[in-house]
Amino acid sequence: MKEFTYVIKDKLGIHARPAGLLVKEAKKFQSATTITKNGQTKKLTQLMMLMSLGVKQGEEVTIAADGPDEDAAIAALKEFFEQNL
């Protein structure tokens, strides 16, 4: 399992448009990908679950990937977060 933490910089937090793109990115990988905020963990491939976390600007999240392509998944997701959130 690989993971990284990230502090959300987008002033709207993880809102509908980037959340949809994030789900699309996560679905490219075989590995199970999750996001954790304040002890709540949700799958990155489920839009409504991701939105239910209500992640706001300045909050820290942990992104994890576990599976055969976890290295590639973490690298791609980290890049996504840095460019979009």
PDB file of N, CA and C in Angstrom:
ATOM      1  N   MET A   1       0.847  -1.190   0.000  1.00  0.00           N
ATOM      2  CA  MET A   1       0.000   0.000   0.000  1.00  0.00           C
ATOM      3  C   MET A   1       0.884   1.242   0.000  1.00  0.00           C
ATOM      4  N   LYS A   2       0.537   2.175  -0.873  1.00  0.00           N
ATOM      5  CA  LYS A   2       1.231   3.459  -0.959  1.00  0.00           C
ATOM      6  C   LYS A   2       0.229   4.551  -0.632  1.00  0.00           C
ATOM      7  N   GLU A   3       0.718   5.645  -0.027  1.00  0.00           N
ATOM      8  CA  GLU A   3      -0.185   6.749   0.277  1.00  0.00           C
ATOM      9  C   GLU A   3       0.566   8.071   0.355  1.00  0.00           C
ATOM     10  N   PHE A   4      -0.193   9.153   0.291  1.00  0.00           N
ATOM     11  CA  PHE A   4       0.365  10.485   0.493  1.00  0.00           C
ATOM     12  C   PHE A   4      -0.719  11.362   1.113  1.00  0.00           C
ATOM     13  N   THR A   5      -0.282  12.425   1.776  1.00  0.00           N
ATOM     14  CA  THR A   5      -1.238  13.383   2.336  1.00  0.00           C
ATOM     15  C   THR A   5      -1.160  14.668   1.517  1.00  0.00           C
ATOM     16  N   TYR A   6      -2.266  15.377   1.481  1.00  0.00           N
ATOM     17  CA  TYR A   6      -2.342  16.595   0.682  1.00  0.00           C
ATOM     18  C   TYR A   6      -3.290  17.578   1.359  1.00  0.00           C
ATOM     19  N   VAL A   7      -2.914  18.847   1.380  1.00  0.00           N
ATOM     20  CA  VAL A   7      -3.780  19.901   1.905  1.00  0.00           C
ATOM     21  C   VAL A   7      -4.458  20.571   0.710  1.00  0.00           C
ATOM     22  N   ILE A   8      -5.782  20.589   0.718  1.00  0.00           N
ATOM     23  CA  ILE A   8      -6.570  21.124  -0.394  1.00  0.00           C
ATOM     24  C   ILE A   8      -6.367  22.640  -0.509  1.00  0.00           C
ATOM     25  N   LYS A   9      -5.986  23.079  -1.697  1.00  0.00           N
ATOM     26  CA  LYS A   9      -5.729  24.497  -1.931  1.00  0.00           C
ATOM     27  C   LYS A   9      -6.873  25.196  -2.675  1.00  0.00           C
ATOM     28  N   ASP A  10      -7.680  24.436  -3.409  1.00  0.00           N
ATOM     29  CA  ASP A  10      -8.797  25.008  -4.169  1.00  0.00           C
ATOM     30  C   ASP A  10      -9.762  25.695  -3.205  1.00  0.00           C
ATOM     31  N   LYS A  11     -10.135  26.949  -3.519  1.00  0.00           N
ATOM     32  CA  LYS A  11     -10.990  27.707  -2.592  1.00  0.00           C
ATOM     33  C   LYS A  11     -12.369  27.094  -2.402  1.00  0.00           C
ATOM     34  N   LEU A  12     -12.803  26.242  -3.339  1.00  0.00           N
ATOM     35  CA  LEU A  12     -14.096  25.576  -3.209  1.00  0.00           C
ATOM     36  C   LEU A  12     -13.972  24.154  -2.651  1.00  0.00           C
ATOM     37  N   GLY A  13     -12.755  23.735  -2.344  1.00  0.00           N
ATOM     38  CA  GLY A  13     -12.553  22.378  -1.843  1.00  0.00           C
ATOM     39  C   GLY A  13     -12.722  21.369  -2.964  1.00  0.00           C
ATOM     40  N   ILE A  14     -13.099  20.149  -2.618  1.00  0.00           N
ATOM     41  CA  ILE A  14     -13.365  19.132  -3.642  1.00  0.00           C
ATOM     42  C   ILE A  14     -14.845  19.249  -3.997  1.00  0.00           C
ATOM     43  N   HIS A  15     -15.129  20.037  -5.042  1.00  0.00           N
ATOM     44  CA  HIS A  15     -16.508  20.246  -5.481  1.00  0.00           C
ATOM     45  C   HIS A  15     -16.790  19.378  -6.704  1.00  0.00           C
ATOM     46  N   ALA A  16     -17.964  19.499  -7.268  1.00  0.00           N
ATOM     47  CA  ALA A  16     -18.468  18.567  -8.286  1.00  0.00           C
ATOM     48  C   ALA A  16     -17.545  18.335  -9.480  1.00  0.00           C
ATOM     49  N   ARG A  17     -17.067  19.415 -10.111  1.00  0.00           N
ATOM     50  CA  ARG A  17     -16.260  19.233 -11.331  1.00  0.00           C
ATOM     51  C   ARG A  17     -14.957  18.472 -11.068  1.00  0.00           C
ATOM     52  N   PRO A  18     -14.113  18.933 -10.123  1.00  0.00           N
ATOM     53  CA  PRO A  18     -12.887  18.171  -9.902  1.00  0.00           C
ATOM     54  C   PRO A  18     -13.146  16.791  -9.292  1.00  0.00           C
ATOM     55  N   ALA A  19     -14.219  16.644  -8.544  1.00  0.00           N
ATOM     56  CA  ALA A  19     -14.538  15.329  -7.979  1.00  0.00           C
ATOM     57  C   ALA A  19     -14.829  14.331  -9.095  1.00  0.00           C
ATOM     58  N   GLY A  20     -15.584  14.768 -10.096  1.00  0.00           N
ATOM     59  CA  GLY A  20     -15.875  13.901 -11.233  1.00  0.00           C
ATOM     60  C   GLY A  20     -14.617  13.509 -11.978  1.00  0.00           C
ATOM     61  N   LEU A  21     -13.720  14.470 -12.174  1.00  0.00           N
ATOM     62  CA  LEU A  21     -12.451  14.187 -12.840  1.00  0.00           C
ATOM     63  C   LEU A  21     -11.579  13.260 -12.003  1.00  0.00           C
ATOM     64  N   LEU A  22     -11.612  13.445 -10.687  1.00  0.00           N
ATOM     65  CA  LEU A  22     -10.830  12.599  -9.783  1.00  0.00           C
ATOM     66  C   LEU A  22     -11.309  11.151  -9.848  1.00  0.00           C
ATOM     67  N   VAL A  23     -12.620  10.945  -9.856  1.00  0.00           N
ATOM     68  CA  VAL A  23     -13.190   9.594  -9.964  1.00  0.00           C
ATOM     69  C   VAL A  23     -12.754   8.956 -11.280  1.00  0.00           C
ATOM     70  N   LYS A  24     -12.819   9.732 -12.345  1.00  0.00           N
ATOM     71  CA  LYS A  24     -12.414   9.236 -13.668  1.00  0.00           C
ATOM     72  C   LYS A  24     -10.940   8.812 -13.666  1.00  0.00           C
ATOM     73  N   GLU A  25     -10.100   9.608 -13.032  1.00  0.00           N
ATOM     74  CA  GLU A  25      -8.669   9.297 -12.939  1.00  0.00           C
ATOM     75  C   GLU A  25      -8.452   8.024 -12.113  1.00  0.00           C
ATOM     76  N   ALA A  26      -9.138   7.898 -10.995  1.00  0.00           N
ATOM     77  CA  ALA A  26      -8.970   6.744 -10.109  1.00  0.00           C
ATOM     78  C   ALA A  26      -9.412   5.448 -10.786  1.00  0.00           C
ATOM     79  N   LYS A  27     -10.409   5.533 -11.657  1.00  0.00           N
ATOM     80  CA  LYS A  27     -10.927   4.338 -12.325  1.00  0.00           C
ATOM     81  C   LYS A  27      -9.968   3.784 -13.381  1.00  0.00           C
ATOM     82  N   LYS A  28      -8.922   4.522 -13.701  1.00  0.00           N
ATOM     83  CA  LYS A  28      -7.940   4.054 -14.680  1.00  0.00           C
ATOM     84  C   LYS A  28      -7.061   2.931 -14.133  1.00  0.00           C
ATOM     85  N   PHE A  29      -7.078   2.735 -12.829  1.00  0.00           N
ATOM     86  CA  PHE A  29      -6.151   1.798 -12.186  1.00  0.00           C
ATOM     87  C   PHE A  29      -6.869   0.589 -11.589  1.00  0.00           C
ATOM     88  N   GLN A  30      -6.144  -0.532 -11.560  1.00  0.00           N
ATOM     89  CA  GLN A  30      -6.677  -1.756 -10.954  1.00  0.00           C
ATOM     90  C   GLN A  30      -6.667  -1.664  -9.434  1.00  0.00           C
ATOM     91  N   SER A  31      -5.709  -0.935  -8.900  1.00  0.00           N
ATOM     92  CA  SER A  31      -5.559  -0.816  -7.453  1.00  0.00           C
ATOM     93  C   SER A  31      -6.788  -0.174  -6.816  1.00  0.00           C
ATOM     94  N   ALA A  32      -7.083  -0.585  -5.598  1.00  0.00           N
ATOM     95  CA  ALA A  32      -8.148   0.046  -4.817  1.00  0.00           C
ATOM     96  C   ALA A  32      -7.619   1.392  -4.330  1.00  0.00           C
ATOM     97  N   THR A  33      -8.323   2.473  -4.640  1.00  0.00           N
ATOM     98  CA  THR A  33      -7.886   3.810  -4.239  1.00  0.00           C
ATOM     99  C   THR A  33      -8.900   4.409  -3.269  1.00  0.00           C
ATOM    100  N   THR A  34      -8.381   5.039  -2.218  1.00  0.00           N
ATOM    101  CA  THR A  34      -9.250   5.613  -1.193  1.00  0.00           C
ATOM    102  C   THR A  34      -8.792   7.021  -0.817  1.00  0.00           C
ATOM    103  N   ILE A  35      -9.725   7.760  -0.229  1.00  0.00           N
ATOM    104  CA  ILE A  35      -9.434   9.083   0.334  1.00  0.00           C
ATOM    105  C   ILE A  35      -9.918   9.063   1.783  1.00  0.00           C
ATOM    106  N   THR A  36      -9.099   9.614   2.682  1.00  0.00           N
ATOM    107  CA  THR A  36      -9.457   9.640   4.100  1.00  0.00           C
ATOM    108  C   THR A  36      -9.373  11.074   4.609  1.00  0.00           C
ATOM    109  N   LYS A  37     -10.434  11.491   5.313  1.00  0.00           N
ATOM    110  CA  LYS A  37     -10.472  12.804   5.968  1.00  0.00           C
ATOM    111  C   LYS A  37     -11.071  12.609   7.352  1.00  0.00           C
ATOM    112  N   ASN A  38     -10.352  13.051   8.365  1.00  0.00           N
ATOM    113  CA  ASN A  38     -10.827  12.960   9.758  1.00  0.00           C
ATOM    114  C   ASN A  38     -11.291  11.550  10.122  1.00  0.00           C
ATOM    115  N   GLY A  39     -10.542  10.548   9.711  1.00  0.00           N
ATOM    116  CA  GLY A  39     -10.862   9.171  10.067  1.00  0.00           C
ATOM    117  C   GLY A  39     -11.920   8.505   9.207  1.00  0.00           C
ATOM    118  N   GLN A  40     -12.535   9.248   8.289  1.00  0.00           N
ATOM    119  CA  GLN A  40     -13.533   8.670   7.382  1.00  0.00           C
ATOM    120  C   GLN A  40     -12.851   8.324   6.068  1.00  0.00           C
ATOM    121  N   THR A  41     -12.962   7.064   5.639  1.00  0.00           N
ATOM    122  CA  THR A  41     -12.340   6.614   4.401  1.00  0.00           C
ATOM    123  C   THR A  41     -13.414   6.247   3.383  1.00  0.00           C
ATOM    124  N   LYS A  42     -13.228   6.754   2.166  1.00  0.00           N
ATOM    125  CA  LYS A  42     -14.171   6.480   1.073  1.00  0.00           C
ATOM    126  C   LYS A  42     -13.390   6.063  -0.159  1.00  0.00           C
ATOM    127  N   LYS A  43     -14.032   5.267  -1.019  1.00  0.00           N
ATOM    128  CA  LYS A  43     -13.417   4.861  -2.280  1.00  0.00           C
ATOM    129  C   LYS A  43     -13.395   6.049  -3.232  1.00  0.00           C
ATOM    130  N   LEU A  44     -12.265   6.211  -3.931  1.00  0.00           N
ATOM    131  CA  LEU A  44     -12.149   7.310  -4.889  1.00  0.00           C
ATOM    132  C   LEU A  44     -12.945   7.059  -6.160  1.00  0.00           C
ATOM    133  N   THR A  45     -13.421   5.852  -6.353  1.00  0.00           N
ATOM    134  CA  THR A  45     -14.161   5.527  -7.576  1.00  0.00           C
ATOM    135  C   THR A  45     -15.662   5.738  -7.422  1.00  0.00           C
ATOM    136  N   GLN A  46     -16.107   6.208  -6.255  1.00  0.00           N
ATOM    137  CA  GLN A  46     -17.533   6.425  -6.010  1.00  0.00           C
ATOM    138  C   GLN A  46     -17.785   7.914  -5.747  1.00  0.00           C
ATOM    139  N   LEU A  47     -18.317   8.593  -6.759  1.00  0.00           N
ATOM    140  CA  LEU A  47     -18.492  10.046  -6.708  1.00  0.00           C
ATOM    141  C   LEU A  47     -19.297  10.511  -5.499  1.00  0.00           C
ATOM    142  N   MET A  48     -20.426   9.907  -5.244  1.00  0.00           N
ATOM    143  CA  MET A  48     -21.285  10.364  -4.144  1.00  0.00           C
ATOM    144  C   MET A  48     -20.612  10.161  -2.784  1.00  0.00           C
ATOM    145  N   MET A  49     -19.869   9.076  -2.645  1.00  0.00           N
ATOM    146  CA  MET A  49     -19.140   8.840  -1.390  1.00  0.00           C
ATOM    147  C   MET A  49     -18.044   9.896  -1.208  1.00  0.00           C
ATOM    148  N   LEU A  50     -17.357  10.201  -2.293  1.00  0.00           N
ATOM    149  CA  LEU A  50     -16.310  11.234  -2.257  1.00  0.00           C
ATOM    150  C   LEU A  50     -16.916  12.585  -1.877  1.00  0.00           C
ATOM    151  N   MET A  51     -18.025  12.939  -2.507  1.00  0.00           N
ATOM    152  CA  MET A  51     -18.682  14.211  -2.214  1.00  0.00           C
ATOM    153  C   MET A  51     -19.202  14.272  -0.774  1.00  0.00           C
ATOM    154  N   SER A  52     -19.577  13.120  -0.220  1.00  0.00           N
ATOM    155  CA  SER A  52     -20.127  13.096   1.140  1.00  0.00           C
ATOM    156  C   SER A  52     -19.099  13.496   2.201  1.00  0.00           C
ATOM    157  N   LEU A  53     -17.819  13.456   1.860  1.00  0.00           N
ATOM    158  CA  LEU A  53     -16.791  13.879   2.818  1.00  0.00           C
ATOM    159  C   LEU A  53     -16.795  15.391   3.033  1.00  0.00           C
ATOM    160  N   GLY A  54     -17.293  16.138   2.046  1.00  0.00           N
ATOM    161  CA  GLY A  54     -17.361  17.594   2.173  1.00  0.00           C
ATOM    162  C   GLY A  54     -16.006  18.244   2.411  1.00  0.00           C
ATOM    163  N   VAL A  55     -15.012  17.881   1.627  1.00  0.00           N
ATOM    164  CA  VAL A  55     -13.650  18.389   1.822  1.00  0.00           C
ATOM    165  C   VAL A  55     -13.565  19.859   1.410  1.00  0.00           C
ATOM    166  N   LYS A  56     -13.087  20.689   2.341  1.00  0.00           N
ATOM    167  CA  LYS A  56     -12.989  22.142   2.127  1.00  0.00           C
ATOM    168  C   LYS A  56     -11.525  22.570   1.973  1.00  0.00           C
ATOM    169  N   GLN A  57     -11.346  23.807   1.517  1.00  0.00           N
ATOM    170  CA  GLN A  57     -10.002  24.370   1.385  1.00  0.00           C
ATOM    171  C   GLN A  57      -9.291  24.350   2.735  1.00  0.00           C
ATOM    172  N   GLY A  58      -8.011  23.974   2.732  1.00  0.00           N
ATOM    173  CA  GLY A  58      -7.213  23.959   3.955  1.00  0.00           C
ATOM    174  C   GLY A  58      -7.260  22.649   4.718  1.00  0.00           C
ATOM    175  N   GLU A  59      -8.153  21.753   4.342  1.00  0.00           N
ATOM    176  CA  GLU A  59      -8.254  20.464   5.030  1.00  0.00           C
ATOM    177  C   GLU A  59      -7.268  19.468   4.430  1.00  0.00           C
ATOM    178  N   GLU A  60      -6.767  18.586   5.291  1.00  0.00           N
ATOM    179  CA  GLU A  60      -5.808  17.578   4.855  1.00  0.00           C
ATOM    180  C   GLU A  60      -6.510  16.255   4.591  1.00  0.00           C
ATOM    181  N   VAL A  61      -6.158  15.641   3.468  1.00  0.00           N
ATOM    182  CA  VAL A  61      -6.690  14.326   3.119  1.00  0.00           C
ATOM    183  C   VAL A  61      -5.524  13.370   2.886  1.00  0.00           C
ATOM    184  N   THR A  62      -5.790  12.091   3.057  1.00  0.00           N
ATOM    185  CA  THR A  62      -4.801  11.057   2.761  1.00  0.00           C
ATOM    186  C   THR A  62      -5.339  10.224   1.616  1.00  0.00           C
ATOM    187  N   ILE A  63      -4.526  10.078   0.590  1.00  0.00           N
ATOM    188  CA  ILE A  63      -4.878   9.285  -0.581  1.00  0.00           C
ATOM    189  C   ILE A  63      -4.059   8.004  -0.520  1.00  0.00           C
ATOM    190  N   ALA A  64      -4.711   6.856  -0.706  1.00  0.00           N
ATOM    191  CA  ALA A  64      -4.011   5.573  -0.646  1.00  0.00           C
ATOM    192  C   ALA A  64      -4.385   4.720  -1.845  1.00  0.00           C
ATOM    193  N   ALA A  65      -3.429   3.886  -2.253  1.00  0.00           N
ATOM    194  CA  ALA A  65      -3.666   2.927  -3.331  1.00  0.00           C
ATOM    195  C   ALA A  65      -3.077   1.595  -2.900  1.00  0.00           C
ATOM    196  N   ASP A  66      -3.822   0.527  -3.141  1.00  0.00           N
ATOM    197  CA  ASP A  66      -3.370  -0.806  -2.767  1.00  0.00           C
ATOM    198  C   ASP A  66      -3.716  -1.766  -3.897  1.00  0.00           C
ATOM    199  N   GLY A  67      -2.685  -2.308  -4.534  1.00  0.00           N
ATOM    200  CA  GLY A  67      -2.924  -3.237  -5.631  1.00  0.00           C
ATOM    201  C   GLY A  67      -1.727  -3.338  -6.560  1.00  0.00           C
ATOM    202  N   PRO A  68      -1.927  -4.010  -7.691  1.00  0.00           N
ATOM    203  CA  PRO A  68      -0.814  -4.300  -8.595  1.00  0.00           C
ATOM    204  C   PRO A  68      -0.179  -3.076  -9.252  1.00  0.00           C
ATOM    205  N   ASP A  69      -0.930  -1.998  -9.417  1.00  0.00           N
ATOM    206  CA  ASP A  69      -0.376  -0.796 -10.048  1.00  0.00           C
ATOM    207  C   ASP A  69      -0.413   0.410  -9.100  1.00  0.00           C
ATOM    208  N   GLU A  70      -0.200   0.134  -7.802  1.00  0.00           N
ATOM    209  CA  GLU A  70      -0.310   1.190  -6.800  1.00  0.00           C
ATOM    210  C   GLU A  70       0.707   2.316  -6.995  1.00  0.00           C
ATOM    211  N   ASP A  71       1.911   1.995  -7.454  1.00  0.00           N
ATOM    212  CA  ASP A  71       2.919   3.044  -7.674  1.00  0.00           C
ATOM    213  C   ASP A  71       2.453   4.028  -8.741  1.00  0.00           C
ATOM    214  N   ALA A  72       1.974   3.498  -9.854  1.00  0.00           N
ATOM    215  CA  ALA A  72       1.481   4.350 -10.941  1.00  0.00           C
ATOM    216  C   ALA A  72       0.250   5.128 -10.497  1.00  0.00           C
ATOM    217  N   ALA A  73      -0.629   4.487  -9.746  1.00  0.00           N
ATOM    218  CA  ALA A  73      -1.848   5.149  -9.267  1.00  0.00           C
ATOM    219  C   ALA A  73      -1.508   6.320  -8.354  1.00  0.00           C
ATOM    220  N   ILE A  74      -0.618   6.107  -7.408  1.00  0.00           N
ATOM    221  CA  ILE A  74      -0.239   7.176  -6.475  1.00  0.00           C
ATOM    222  C   ILE A  74       0.425   8.326  -7.219  1.00  0.00           C
ATOM    223  N   ALA A  75       1.316   8.016  -8.155  1.00  0.00           N
ATOM    224  CA  ALA A  75       1.999   9.066  -8.924  1.00  0.00           C
ATOM    225  C   ALA A  75       0.986   9.897  -9.712  1.00  0.00           C
ATOM    226  N   ALA A  76       0.040   9.239 -10.378  1.00  0.00           N
ATOM    227  CA  ALA A  76      -0.957   9.948 -11.172  1.00  0.00           C
ATOM    228  C   ALA A  76      -1.898  10.762 -10.290  1.00  0.00           C
ATOM    229  N   LEU A  77      -2.327  10.194  -9.174  1.00  0.00           N
ATOM    230  CA  LEU A  77      -3.253  10.894  -8.287  1.00  0.00           C
ATOM    231  C   LEU A  77      -2.579  12.090  -7.615  1.00  0.00           C
ATOM    232  N   LYS A  78      -1.320  11.929  -7.251  1.00  0.00           N
ATOM    233  CA  LYS A  78      -0.589  13.053  -6.636  1.00  0.00           C
ATOM    234  C   LYS A  78      -0.480  14.203  -7.637  1.00  0.00           C
ATOM    235  N   GLU A  79      -0.165  13.885  -8.875  1.00  0.00           N
ATOM    236  CA  GLU A  79      -0.089  14.900  -9.920  1.00  0.00           C
ATOM    237  C   GLU A  79      -1.454  15.569 -10.124  1.00  0.00           C
ATOM    238  N   PHE A  80      -2.520  14.757 -10.116  1.00  0.00           N
ATOM    239  CA  PHE A  80      -3.879  15.299 -10.271  1.00  0.00           C
ATOM    240  C   PHE A  80      -4.188  16.306  -9.157  1.00  0.00           C
ATOM    241  N   PHE A  81      -3.907  15.932  -7.915  1.00  0.00           N
ATOM    242  CA  PHE A  81      -4.188  16.811  -6.789  1.00  0.00           C
ATOM    243  C   PHE A  81      -3.397  18.116  -6.906  1.00  0.00           C
ATOM    244  N   GLU A  82      -2.112  18.025  -7.265  1.00  0.00           N
ATOM    245  CA  GLU A  82      -1.287  19.214  -7.375  1.00  0.00           C
ATOM    246  C   GLU A  82      -1.748  20.157  -8.481  1.00  0.00           C
ATOM    247  N   GLN A  83      -2.276  19.599  -9.572  1.00  0.00           N
ATOM    248  CA  GLN A  83      -2.709  20.427 -10.689  1.00  0.00           C
ATOM    249  C   GLN A  83      -4.140  20.940 -10.552  1.00  0.00           C
ATOM    250  N   ASN A  84      -5.001  20.202  -9.845  1.00  0.00           N
ATOM    251  CA  ASN A  84      -6.419  20.545  -9.808  1.00  0.00           C
ATOM    252  C   ASN A  84      -6.980  20.947  -8.446  1.00  0.00           C
ATOM    253  N   LEU A  85      -6.333  20.568  -7.377  1.00  0.00           N
ATOM    254  CA  LEU A  85      -6.916  20.837  -6.061  1.00  0.00           C
ATOM    255  C   LEU A  85      -5.910  21.516  -5.134  1.00  0.00           C
TER     256      LEU A  85
END
